[in-house]
PDB file of N, CA and C in Angstrom:
ATOM      1  N   MET A   1      -6.159 -19.901  -2.990  1.00  0.00           N
ATOM      2  CA  MET A   1      -6.744 -19.100  -4.125  1.00  0.00           C
ATOM      3  C   MET A   1      -6.965 -17.757  -3.594  1.00  0.00           C
ATOM      4  N   THR A   2      -6.708 -16.915  -4.633  1.00  0.00           N
ATOM      5  CA  THR A   2      -7.054 -15.441  -4.303  1.00  0.00           C
ATOM      6  C   THR A   2      -7.434 -14.674  -5.632  1.00  0.00           C
ATOM      7  N   TYR A   3      -8.106 -13.585  -5.581  1.00  0.00           N
ATOM      8  CA  TYR A   3      -8.396 -12.817  -6.616  1.00  0.00           C
ATOM      9  C   TYR A   3      -7.786 -11.530  -6.838  1.00  0.00           C
ATOM     10  N   VAL A   4      -7.344 -11.189  -8.079  1.00  0.00           N
ATOM     11  CA  VAL A   4      -6.763  -9.903  -8.326  1.00  0.00           C
ATOM     12  C   VAL A   4      -7.854  -9.184  -9.097  1.00  0.00           C
ATOM     13  N   TYR A   5      -8.766  -8.498  -8.471  1.00  0.00           N
ATOM     14  CA  TYR A   5      -9.840  -7.784  -9.024  1.00  0.00           C
ATOM     15  C   TYR A   5      -9.558  -6.939 -10.213  1.00  0.00           C
ATOM     16  N   ASN A   6      -8.488  -5.951  -9.941  1.00  0.00           N
ATOM     17  CA  ASN A   6      -8.352  -4.989 -10.960  1.00  0.00           C
ATOM     18  C   ASN A   6      -7.818  -5.655 -12.120  1.00  0.00           C
ATOM     19  N   GLU A   7      -7.232  -7.040 -12.227  1.00  0.00           N
ATOM     20  CA  GLU A   7      -6.873  -7.547 -13.560  1.00  0.00           C
ATOM     21  C   GLU A   7      -7.773  -8.731 -13.914  1.00  0.00           C
ATOM     22  N   SER A   8      -8.902  -8.902 -13.183  1.00  0.00           N
ATOM     23  CA  SER A   8      -9.914  -9.865 -13.435  1.00  0.00           C
ATOM     24  C   SER A   8      -9.317 -11.174 -13.538  1.00  0.00           C
ATOM     25  N   THR A   9      -8.467 -11.648 -12.550  1.00  0.00           N
ATOM     26  CA  THR A   9      -7.774 -12.835 -12.529  1.00  0.00           C
ATOM     27  C   THR A   9      -7.827 -13.526 -11.179  1.00  0.00           C
ATOM     28  N   ALA A  10      -8.219 -14.949 -11.237  1.00  0.00           N
ATOM     29  CA  ALA A  10      -8.138 -15.798 -10.027  1.00  0.00           C
ATOM     30  C   ALA A  10      -6.802 -16.527 -10.096  1.00  0.00           C
ATOM     31  N   VAL A  11      -6.173 -16.583  -8.995  1.00  0.00           N
ATOM     32  CA  VAL A  11      -4.860 -17.316  -8.836  1.00  0.00           C
ATOM     33  C   VAL A  11      -4.978 -18.419  -8.000  1.00  0.00           C
ATOM     34  N   VAL A  12      -4.832 -19.530  -8.500  1.00  0.00           N
ATOM     35  CA  VAL A  12      -4.886 -20.858  -7.700  1.00  0.00           C
ATOM     36  C   VAL A  12      -3.444 -21.334  -7.560  1.00  0.00           C
ATOM     37  N   GLY A  13      -2.992 -21.619  -6.300  1.00  0.00           N
ATOM     38  CA  GLY A  13      -1.723 -21.980  -6.023  1.00  0.00           C
ATOM     39  C   GLY A  13      -1.662 -22.834  -4.667  1.00  0.00           C
ATOM     40  N   PRO A  14      -0.455 -23.252  -4.259  1.00  0.00           N
ATOM     41  CA  PRO A  14      -0.343 -23.977  -3.050  1.00  0.00           C
ATOM     42  C   PRO A  14      -0.921 -23.221  -1.795  1.00  0.00           C
ATOM     43  N   LEU A  15      -1.108 -24.082  -0.842  1.00  0.00           N
ATOM     44  CA  LEU A  15      -1.506 -23.424   0.517  1.00  0.00           C
ATOM     45  C   LEU A  15      -0.474 -22.598   1.078  1.00  0.00           C
ATOM     46  N   ALA A  16      -0.806 -21.384   1.639  1.00  0.00           N
ATOM     47  CA  ALA A  16       0.081 -20.540   2.303  1.00  0.00           C
ATOM     48  C   ALA A  16       0.512 -21.270   3.555  1.00  0.00           C
ATOM     49  N   ALA A  17       1.649 -20.789   3.992  1.00  0.00           N
ATOM     50  CA  ALA A  17       2.198 -21.358   5.340  1.00  0.00           C
ATOM     51  C   ALA A  17       1.605 -20.595   6.487  1.00  0.00           C
ATOM     52  N   PHE A  18       1.162 -19.445   6.364  1.00  0.00           N
ATOM     53  CA  PHE A  18       0.461 -18.536   7.393  1.00  0.00           C
ATOM     54  C   PHE A  18      -0.862 -18.006   6.860  1.00  0.00           C
ATOM     55  N   ALA A  19      -1.667 -17.509   7.640  1.00  0.00           N
ATOM     56  CA  ALA A  19      -2.915 -16.968   7.237  1.00  0.00           C
ATOM     57  C   ALA A  19      -2.616 -15.575   6.546  1.00  0.00           C
ATOM     58  N   GLU A  20      -3.416 -15.511   5.439  1.00  0.00           N
ATOM     59  CA  GLU A  20      -3.162 -14.299   4.528  1.00  0.00           C
ATOM     60  C   GLU A  20      -4.674 -13.681   4.502  1.00  0.00           C
ATOM     61  N   PRO A  21      -5.026 -12.516   4.587  1.00  0.00           N
ATOM     62  CA  PRO A  21      -6.347 -12.047   4.178  1.00  0.00           C
ATOM     63  C   PRO A  21      -6.637 -12.091   2.677  1.00  0.00           C
ATOM     64  N   HIS A  22      -8.047 -12.218   2.478  1.00  0.00           N
ATOM     65  CA  HIS A  22      -8.423 -12.386   1.189  1.00  0.00           C
ATOM     66  C   HIS A  22      -8.014 -13.582   0.407  1.00  0.00           C
ATOM     67  N   THR A  23      -7.586 -14.486   0.970  1.00  0.00           N
ATOM     68  CA  THR A  23      -7.142 -15.880   0.413  1.00  0.00           C
ATOM     69  C   THR A  23      -8.140 -17.197   0.792  1.00  0.00           C
ATOM     70  N   TYR A  24      -8.209 -17.928   0.111  1.00  0.00           N
ATOM     71  CA  TYR A  24      -9.147 -19.283   0.406  1.00  0.00           C
ATOM     72  C   TYR A  24      -8.544 -20.497   0.094  1.00  0.00           C
ATOM     73  N   ASP A  25      -8.411 -21.351   1.118  1.00  0.00           N
ATOM     74  CA  ASP A  25      -7.977 -22.756   1.026  1.00  0.00           C
ATOM     75  C   ASP A  25      -9.028 -23.505   0.259  1.00  0.00           C
ATOM     76  N   LEU A  26      -8.473 -24.266  -0.681  1.00  0.00           N
ATOM     77  CA  LEU A  26      -9.258 -25.213  -1.527  1.00  0.00           C
ATOM     78  C   LEU A  26      -8.769 -26.544  -1.388  1.00  0.00           C
ATOM     79  N   CYS A  27      -9.560 -27.555  -1.339  1.00  0.00           N
ATOM     80  CA  CYS A  27      -9.046 -28.993  -1.526  1.00  0.00           C
ATOM     81  C   CYS A  27      -8.572 -29.069  -2.869  1.00  0.00           C
ATOM     82  N   GLU A  28      -7.731 -30.145  -3.007  1.00  0.00           N
ATOM     83  CA  GLU A  28      -7.024 -30.232  -4.323  1.00  0.00           C
ATOM     84  C   GLU A  28      -8.076 -30.419  -5.587  1.00  0.00           C
ATOM     85  N   PRO A  29      -9.041 -31.333  -5.314  1.00  0.00           N
ATOM     86  CA  PRO A  29     -10.148 -31.405  -6.605  1.00  0.00           C
ATOM     87  C   PRO A  29     -10.801 -30.162  -6.766  1.00  0.00           C
ATOM     88  N   HIS A  30     -11.033 -29.200  -6.022  1.00  0.00           N
ATOM     89  CA  HIS A  30     -11.710 -28.020  -6.228  1.00  0.00           C
ATOM     90  C   HIS A  30     -10.602 -27.055  -6.864  1.00  0.00           C
ATOM     91  N   ALA A  31      -9.452 -27.090  -6.426  1.00  0.00           N
ATOM     92  CA  ALA A  31      -8.274 -26.068  -7.034  1.00  0.00           C
ATOM     93  C   ALA A  31      -7.992 -26.527  -8.358  1.00  0.00           C
ATOM     94  N   ARG A  32      -8.159 -27.924  -8.817  1.00  0.00           N
ATOM     95  CA  ARG A  32      -7.884 -28.222 -10.097  1.00  0.00           C
ATOM     96  C   ARG A  32      -9.114 -27.973 -11.104  1.00  0.00           C
ATOM     97  N   THR A  33     -10.367 -27.763 -10.458  1.00  0.00           N
ATOM     98  CA  THR A  33     -11.547 -27.697 -11.398  1.00  0.00           C
ATOM     99  C   THR A  33     -12.061 -26.216 -11.155  1.00  0.00           C
ATOM    100  N   LEU A  34     -11.434 -25.382 -10.379  1.00  0.00           N
ATOM    101  CA  LEU A  34     -12.077 -23.909 -10.257  1.00  0.00           C
ATOM    102  C   LEU A  34     -12.240 -23.286 -11.694  1.00  0.00           C
ATOM    103  N   THR A  35     -13.422 -22.534 -11.768  1.00  0.00           N
ATOM    104  CA  THR A  35     -13.543 -21.757 -12.899  1.00  0.00           C
ATOM    105  C   THR A  35     -13.932 -20.286 -12.500  1.00  0.00           C
ATOM    106  N   ALA A  36     -13.582 -19.344 -13.301  1.00  0.00           N
ATOM    107  CA  ALA A  36     -13.824 -17.981 -12.969  1.00  0.00           C
ATOM    108  C   ALA A  36     -15.056 -17.390 -13.735  1.00  0.00           C
ATOM    109  N   PRO A  37     -15.487 -16.238 -13.273  1.00  0.00           N
ATOM    110  CA  PRO A  37     -16.500 -15.654 -14.210  1.00  0.00           C
ATOM    111  C   PRO A  37     -16.153 -15.341 -15.482  1.00  0.00           C
ATOM    112  N   ARG A  38     -16.935 -15.241 -16.404  1.00  0.00           N
ATOM    113  CA  ARG A  38     -16.755 -14.990 -17.848  1.00  0.00           C
ATOM    114  C   ARG A  38     -15.990 -13.661 -17.858  1.00  0.00           C
ATOM    115  N   GLY A  39     -14.882 -13.576 -18.723  1.00  0.00           N
ATOM    116  CA  GLY A  39     -13.913 -12.547 -18.780  1.00  0.00           C
ATOM    117  C   GLY A  39     -12.855 -12.428 -17.920  1.00  0.00           C
ATOM    118  N   TRP A  40     -12.865 -13.397 -16.978  1.00  0.00           N
ATOM    119  CA  TRP A  40     -11.673 -13.401 -16.026  1.00  0.00           C
ATOM    120  C   TRP A  40     -10.551 -14.568 -16.551  1.00  0.00           C
ATOM    121  N   ASP A  41      -9.549 -14.510 -16.018  1.00  0.00           N
ATOM    122  CA  ASP A  41      -8.382 -15.230 -16.242  1.00  0.00           C
ATOM    123  C   ASP A  41      -8.240 -16.221 -15.021  1.00  0.00           C
ATOM    124  N   VAL A  42      -7.720 -17.497 -15.245  1.00  0.00           N
ATOM    125  CA  VAL A  42      -7.402 -18.205 -14.072  1.00  0.00           C
ATOM    126  C   VAL A  42      -5.973 -18.750 -14.338  1.00  0.00           C
ATOM    127  N   VAL A  43      -5.121 -18.300 -13.304  1.00  0.00           N
ATOM    128  CA  VAL A  43      -3.667 -18.603 -13.170  1.00  0.00           C
ATOM    129  C   VAL A  43      -3.571 -19.750 -12.149  1.00  0.00           C
ATOM    130  N   ARG A  44      -2.991 -20.827 -12.760  1.00  0.00           N
ATOM    131  CA  ARG A  44      -2.877 -22.135 -11.823  1.00  0.00           C
ATOM    132  C   ARG A  44      -1.407 -22.401 -11.570  1.00  0.00           C
ATOM    133  N   HIS A  45      -0.986 -22.848 -10.374  1.00  0.00           N
ATOM    134  CA  HIS A  45       0.166 -23.344 -10.072  1.00  0.00           C
ATOM    135  C   HIS A  45       0.378 -24.713 -10.971  1.00  0.00           C
ATOM    136  N   GLU A  46       1.562 -24.748 -11.644  1.00  0.00           N
ATOM    137  CA  GLU A  46       1.898 -25.927 -12.266  1.00  0.00           C
ATOM    138  C   GLU A  46       2.641 -26.948 -11.337  1.00  0.00           C
ATOM    139  N   GLY A  47       2.247 -28.185 -11.479  1.00  0.00           N
ATOM    140  CA  GLY A  47       2.848 -29.110 -10.640  1.00  0.00           C
ATOM    141  C   GLY A  47       1.917 -29.692  -9.644  1.00  0.00           C
ATOM    142  N   GLU A  48       2.540 -30.488  -8.637  1.00  0.00           N
ATOM    143  CA  GLU A  48       1.669 -31.097  -7.598  1.00  0.00           C
ATOM    144  C   GLU A  48       1.481 -30.060  -6.599  1.00  0.00           C
ATOM    145  N   PHE A  49       0.310 -30.205  -5.974  1.00  0.00           N
ATOM    146  CA  PHE A  49       0.045 -29.528  -4.659  1.00  0.00           C
ATOM    147  C   PHE A  49       0.615 -30.119  -3.625  1.00  0.00           C
ATOM    148  N   GLU A  50       1.478 -29.637  -2.821  1.00  0.00           N
ATOM    149  CA  GLU A  50       2.082 -30.169  -1.443  1.00  0.00           C
ATOM    150  C   GLU A  50       1.305 -30.087  -0.464  1.00  0.00           C
ATOM    151  N   PRO A  51       1.055 -30.865   0.718  1.00  0.00           N
ATOM    152  CA  PRO A  51       0.325 -30.681   1.805  1.00  0.00           C
ATOM    153  C   PRO A  51       0.900 -29.311   2.437  1.00  0.00           C
ATOM    154  N   PRO A  52       0.359 -28.610   3.258  1.00  0.00           N
ATOM    155  CA  PRO A  52       0.678 -27.386   3.965  1.00  0.00           C
ATOM    156  C   PRO A  52       1.866 -27.930   5.116  1.00  0.00           C
ATOM    157  N   PRO A  53       2.708 -27.065   5.368  1.00  0.00           N
ATOM    158  CA  PRO A  53       3.642 -27.568   6.502  1.00  0.00           C
ATOM    159  C   PRO A  53       2.978 -27.826   7.920  1.00  0.00           C
ATOM    160  N   PRO A  54       3.388 -28.537   8.538  1.00  0.00           N
ATOM    161  CA  PRO A  54       2.771 -28.992   9.904  1.00  0.00           C
ATOM    162  C   PRO A  54       2.593 -27.715  10.717  1.00  0.00           C
ATOM    163  N   THR A  55       1.463 -27.692  11.449  1.00  0.00           N
ATOM    164  CA  THR A  55       1.215 -26.292  12.390  1.00  0.00           C
ATOM    165  C   THR A  55       0.344 -27.068  13.569  1.00  0.00           C
ATOM    166  N   THR A  56       0.365 -26.155  14.506  1.00  0.00           N
ATOM    167  CA  THR A  56      -0.355 -26.616  15.701  1.00  0.00           C
ATOM    168  C   THR A  56      -1.645 -25.694  15.778  1.00  0.00           C
ATOM    169  N   ASP A  57      -1.998 -24.898  14.811  1.00  0.00           N
ATOM    170  CA  ASP A  57      -3.176 -24.071  14.856  1.00  0.00           C
ATOM    171  C   ASP A  57      -4.443 -24.828  15.302  1.00  0.00           C
ATOM    172  N   ASP A  58      -4.642 -26.004  14.474  1.00  0.00           N
ATOM    173  CA  ASP A  58      -5.920 -26.861  14.616  1.00  0.00           C
ATOM    174  C   ASP A  58      -5.940 -27.314  16.010  1.00  0.00           C
ATOM    175  N   LEU A  59      -4.821 -27.880  16.450  1.00  0.00           N
ATOM    176  CA  LEU A  59      -4.804 -28.565  17.814  1.00  0.00           C
ATOM    177  C   LEU A  59      -5.198 -27.403  18.725  1.00  0.00           C
ATOM    178  N   VAL A  60      -4.482 -26.222  18.712  1.00  0.00           N
ATOM    179  CA  VAL A  60      -4.703 -25.260  19.696  1.00  0.00           C
ATOM    180  C   VAL A  60      -6.024 -24.701  19.648  1.00  0.00           C
ATOM    181  N   ALA A  61      -6.761 -24.624  18.395  1.00  0.00           N
ATOM    182  CA  ALA A  61      -8.243 -24.233  18.481  1.00  0.00           C
ATOM    183  C   ALA A  61      -9.112 -25.258  19.164  1.00  0.00           C
ATOM    184  N   LEU A  62      -8.665 -26.535  18.938  1.00  0.00           N
ATOM    185  CA  LEU A  62      -9.396 -27.646  19.437  1.00  0.00           C
ATOM    186  C   LEU A  62      -9.392 -27.427  21.033  1.00  0.00           C
ATOM    187  N   ALA A  63      -8.148 -27.392  21.547  1.00  0.00           N
ATOM    188  CA  ALA A  63      -7.967 -27.273  22.974  1.00  0.00           C
ATOM    189  C   ALA A  63      -8.625 -25.998  23.638  1.00  0.00           C
ATOM    190  N   GLU A  64      -8.620 -24.962  23.013  1.00  0.00           N
ATOM    191  CA  GLU A  64      -9.378 -23.656  23.391  1.00  0.00           C
ATOM    192  C   GLU A  64     -10.806 -23.989  23.400  1.00  0.00           C
ATOM    193  N   ALA A  65     -11.346 -24.557  22.286  1.00  0.00           N
ATOM    194  CA  ALA A  65     -12.719 -24.909  22.416  1.00  0.00           C
ATOM    195  C   ALA A  65     -13.318 -25.697  23.601  1.00  0.00           C
ATOM    196  N   VAL A  66     -12.280 -26.934  23.820  1.00  0.00           N
ATOM    197  CA  VAL A  66     -12.586 -27.870  24.980  1.00  0.00           C
ATOM    198  C   VAL A  66     -12.555 -27.012  26.275  1.00  0.00           C
ATOM    199  N   ARG A  67     -11.514 -26.172  26.466  1.00  0.00           N
ATOM    200  CA  ARG A  67     -11.330 -25.478  27.671  1.00  0.00           C
ATOM    201  C   ARG A  67     -12.603 -24.525  27.934  1.00  0.00           C
ATOM    202  N   GLU A  68     -13.109 -23.815  26.883  1.00  0.00           N
ATOM    203  CA  GLU A  68     -14.199 -23.001  26.833  1.00  0.00           C
ATOM    204  C   GLU A  68     -15.353 -23.791  27.426  1.00  0.00           C
ATOM    205  N   ALA A  69     -15.747 -24.980  26.782  1.00  0.00           N
ATOM    206  CA  ALA A  69     -16.841 -25.793  27.061  1.00  0.00           C
ATOM    207  C   ALA A  69     -16.742 -26.205  28.386  1.00  0.00           C
ATOM    208  N   ALA A  70     -15.516 -26.570  29.095  1.00  0.00           N
ATOM    209  CA  ALA A  70     -15.518 -27.043  30.370  1.00  0.00           C
ATOM    210  C   ALA A  70     -15.467 -26.112  31.527  1.00  0.00           C
ATOM    211  N   ARG A  71     -15.475 -24.778  31.162  1.00  0.00           N
ATOM    212  CA  ARG A  71     -15.680 -23.701  32.215  1.00  0.00           C
ATOM    213  C   ARG A  71     -17.090 -23.731  32.795  1.00  0.00           C
ATOM    214  N   PRO A  72     -17.145 -23.681  34.097  1.00  0.00           N
ATOM    215  CA  PRO A  72     -18.373 -23.571  34.761  1.00  0.00           C
ATOM    216  C   PRO A  72     -19.218 -22.225  34.224  1.00  0.00           C
ATOM    217  N   ALA A  73     -20.515 -22.354  33.979  1.00  0.00           N
ATOM    218  CA  ALA A  73     -21.278 -21.180  33.823  1.00  0.00           C
ATOM    219  C   ALA A  73     -21.214 -20.294  34.907  1.00  0.00           C
ATOM    220  N   PRO A  74     -21.207 -18.931  34.611  1.00  0.00           N
ATOM    221  CA  PRO A  74     -21.374 -18.002  35.723  1.00  0.00           C
ATOM    222  C   PRO A  74     -22.549 -18.192  36.563  1.00  0.00           C
ATOM    223  N   PRO A  75     -22.448 -17.907  37.796  1.00  0.00           N
ATOM    224  CA  PRO A  75     -23.676 -18.060  38.667  1.00  0.00           C
ATOM    225  C   PRO A  75     -24.760 -16.999  38.182  1.00  0.00           C
ATOM    226  N   ARG A  76     -26.266 -17.644  38.279  1.00  0.00           N
ATOM    227  CA  ARG A  76     -27.174 -16.874  38.007  1.00  0.00           C
ATOM    228  C   ARG A  76     -27.588 -16.013  39.158  1.00  0.00           C
ATOM    229  N   PRO A  77     -28.035 -14.666  38.963  1.00  0.00           N
ATOM    230  CA  PRO A  77     -28.415 -13.885  39.937  1.00  0.00           C
ATOM    231  C   PRO A  77     -29.698 -14.386  40.420  1.00  0.00           C
ATOM    232  N   PRO A  78     -29.849 -14.051  41.775  1.00  0.00           N
ATOM    233  CA  PRO A  78     -31.084 -14.524  42.424  1.00  0.00           C
ATOM    234  C   PRO A  78     -32.423 -14.102  41.629  1.00  0.00           C
ATOM    235  N   ALA A  79     -33.431 -14.795  41.606  1.00  0.00           N
ATOM    236  CA  ALA A  79     -34.765 -14.468  40.854  1.00  0.00           C
ATOM    237  C   ALA A  79     -35.153 -12.991  41.009  1.00  0.00           C
ATOM    238  N   ASP A  80     -35.160 -12.428  42.287  1.00  0.00           N
ATOM    239  CA  ASP A  80     -35.520 -10.981  42.389  1.00  0.00           C
ATOM    240  C   ASP A  80     -34.636 -10.078  41.720  1.00  0.00           C
ATOM    241  N   ASP A  81     -33.224 -10.379  41.381  1.00  0.00           N
ATOM    242  CA  ASP A  81     -32.361  -9.389  40.775  1.00  0.00           C
ATOM    243  C   ASP A  81     -32.372  -9.644  39.324  1.00  0.00           C
ATOM    244  N   GLN A  82     -33.163 -10.500  38.659  1.00  0.00           N
ATOM    245  CA  GLN A  82     -33.206 -10.570  37.279  1.00  0.00           C
ATOM    246  C   GLN A  82     -33.930  -9.411  36.484  1.00  0.00           C
ATOM    247  N   ASP A  83     -33.595  -9.355  35.302  1.00  0.00           N
ATOM    248  CA  ASP A  83     -34.200  -8.403  34.541  1.00  0.00           C
ATOM    249  C   ASP A  83     -35.736  -8.635  34.408  1.00  0.00           C
ATOM    250  N   PRO A  84     -36.578  -7.534  34.434  1.00  0.00           N
ATOM    251  CA  PRO A  84     -37.978  -7.854  34.204  1.00  0.00           C
ATOM    252  C   PRO A  84     -38.431  -8.424  32.899  1.00  0.00           C
ATOM    253  N   PRO A  85     -39.474  -8.939  32.670  1.00  0.00           N
ATOM    254  CA  PRO A  85     -39.776  -9.445  31.448  1.00  0.00           C
ATOM    255  C   PRO A  85     -40.064  -8.448  30.349  1.00  0.00           C
ATOM    256  N   GLY A  86     -39.426  -8.606  29.267  1.00  0.00           N
ATOM    257  CA  GLY A  86     -39.527  -7.406  28.197  1.00  0.00           C
ATOM    258  C   GLY A  86     -38.300  -6.680  28.147  1.00  0.00           C
ATOM    259  N   HIS A  87     -37.352  -6.845  29.259  1.00  0.00           N
ATOM    260  CA  HIS A  87     -36.028  -6.180  29.042  1.00  0.00           C
ATOM    261  C   HIS A  87     -35.315  -6.809  28.002  1.00  0.00           C
ATOM    262  N   PRO A  88     -34.416  -6.239  27.310  1.00  0.00           N
ATOM    263  CA  PRO A  88     -33.694  -6.902  26.222  1.00  0.00           C
ATOM    264  C   PRO A  88     -32.796  -7.917  26.642  1.00  0.00           C
ATOM    265  N   HIS A  89     -32.199  -7.847  27.812  1.00  0.00           N
ATOM    266  CA  HIS A  89     -31.414  -9.067  28.440  1.00  0.00           C
ATOM    267  C   HIS A  89     -32.282 -10.148  29.129  1.00  0.00           C
ATOM    268  N   SER A  90     -33.521  -9.942  29.213  1.00  0.00           N
ATOM    269  CA  SER A  90     -34.308 -11.187  29.935  1.00  0.00           C
ATOM    270  C   SER A  90     -34.525 -12.266  29.235  1.00  0.00           C
ATOM    271  N   HIS A  91     -34.348 -12.208  27.814  1.00  0.00           N
ATOM    272  CA  HIS A  91     -34.725 -13.439  26.856  1.00  0.00           C
ATOM    273  C   HIS A  91     -33.444 -13.840  26.100  1.00  0.00           C
ATOM    274  N   THR A  92     -32.370 -13.236  26.337  1.00  0.00           N
ATOM    275  CA  THR A  92     -31.318 -13.659  25.431  1.00  0.00           C
ATOM    276  C   THR A  92     -30.204 -13.775  26.244  1.00  0.00           C
ATOM    277  N   GLY A  93     -29.179 -14.604  25.918  1.00  0.00           N
ATOM    278  CA  GLY A  93     -27.982 -14.807  26.695  1.00  0.00           C
ATOM    279  C   GLY A  93     -26.832 -14.477  25.632  1.00  0.00           C
ATOM    280  N   ARG A  94     -25.694 -13.946  26.190  1.00  0.00           N
ATOM    281  CA  ARG A  94     -24.635 -13.670  25.286  1.00  0.00           C
ATOM    282  C   ARG A  94     -23.148 -14.202  26.065  1.00  0.00           C
ATOM    283  N   ARG A  95     -22.462 -14.827  25.189  1.00  0.00           N
ATOM    284  CA  ARG A  95     -21.146 -15.293  25.723  1.00  0.00           C
ATOM    285  C   ARG A  95     -20.186 -15.157  24.621  1.00  0.00           C
ATOM    286  N   GLY A  96     -19.176 -14.286  24.837  1.00  0.00           N
ATOM    287  CA  GLY A  96     -18.283 -14.045  23.757  1.00  0.00           C
ATOM    288  C   GLY A  96     -18.883 -13.461  22.401  1.00  0.00           C
ATOM    289  N   HIS A  97     -18.639 -14.107  21.376  1.00  0.00           N
ATOM    290  CA  HIS A  97     -19.279 -13.657  20.026  1.00  0.00           C
ATOM    291  C   HIS A  97     -20.637 -14.499  19.736  1.00  0.00           C
ATOM    292  N   LEU A  98     -21.025 -15.465  20.815  1.00  0.00           N
ATOM    293  CA  LEU A  98     -22.253 -16.158  20.293  1.00  0.00           C
ATOM    294  C   LEU A  98     -23.242 -15.472  21.009  1.00  0.00           C
ATOM    295  N   ARG A  99     -24.508 -15.809  20.596  1.00  0.00           N
ATOM    296  CA  ARG A  99     -25.754 -15.071  21.048  1.00  0.00           C
ATOM    297  C   ARG A  99     -26.837 -16.303  21.181  1.00  0.00           C
ATOM    298  N   VAL A 100     -27.572 -16.249  22.187  1.00  0.00           N
ATOM    299  CA  VAL A 100     -28.656 -17.268  22.380  1.00  0.00           C
ATOM    300  C   VAL A 100     -29.854 -16.554  22.231  1.00  0.00           C
ATOM    301  N   ILE A 101     -30.728 -17.135  21.187  1.00  0.00           N
ATOM    302  CA  ILE A 101     -32.000 -16.349  20.891  1.00  0.00           C
ATOM    303  C   ILE A 101     -33.094 -17.594  21.288  1.00  0.00           C
ATOM    304  N   PRO A 102     -34.079 -17.186  22.189  1.00  0.00           N
ATOM    305  CA  PRO A 102     -35.113 -18.331  22.190  1.00  0.00           C
ATOM    306  C   PRO A 102     -35.795 -18.553  21.066  1.00  0.00           C
ATOM    307  N   PRO A 103     -36.381 -19.729  20.905  1.00  0.00           N
ATOM    308  CA  PRO A 103     -36.969 -20.097  19.644  1.00  0.00           C
ATOM    309  C   PRO A 103     -38.299 -19.476  19.239  1.00  0.00           C
ATOM    310  N   ASN A 104     -38.935 -18.647  20.313  1.00  0.00           N
ATOM    311  CA  ASN A 104     -40.151 -17.925  19.957  1.00  0.00           C
ATOM    312  C   ASN A 104     -40.044 -16.686  19.366  1.00  0.00           C
ATOM    313  N   HIS A 105     -38.798 -16.479  19.018  1.00  0.00           N
ATOM    314  CA  HIS A 105     -38.313 -14.983  18.406  1.00  0.00           C
ATOM    315  C   HIS A 105     -38.093 -15.155  16.926  1.00  0.00           C
TER     316      HIS A 105
END
């Protein structure tokens, strides 16, 4: 599904073979029952929705996640080298795009 904003149109069609910005994958029941805002048109693909072509993207993403989880944590610095209490890094950890925030904040 994608939107053509300047024409107030939602377009529902088969899944793309590759990632495209500003498109959204829908399951078949939702693709068939999608409604658009008042004043908009919905253009639907006529016919059956075929499953997307085989891809290894999901398998590769899973393998990367497993690899990341299996990596040993970096060694912690000795207690005397750690940031003092109140320092921005003393209560949070950061790894890649994820951030750990303690529950008391």
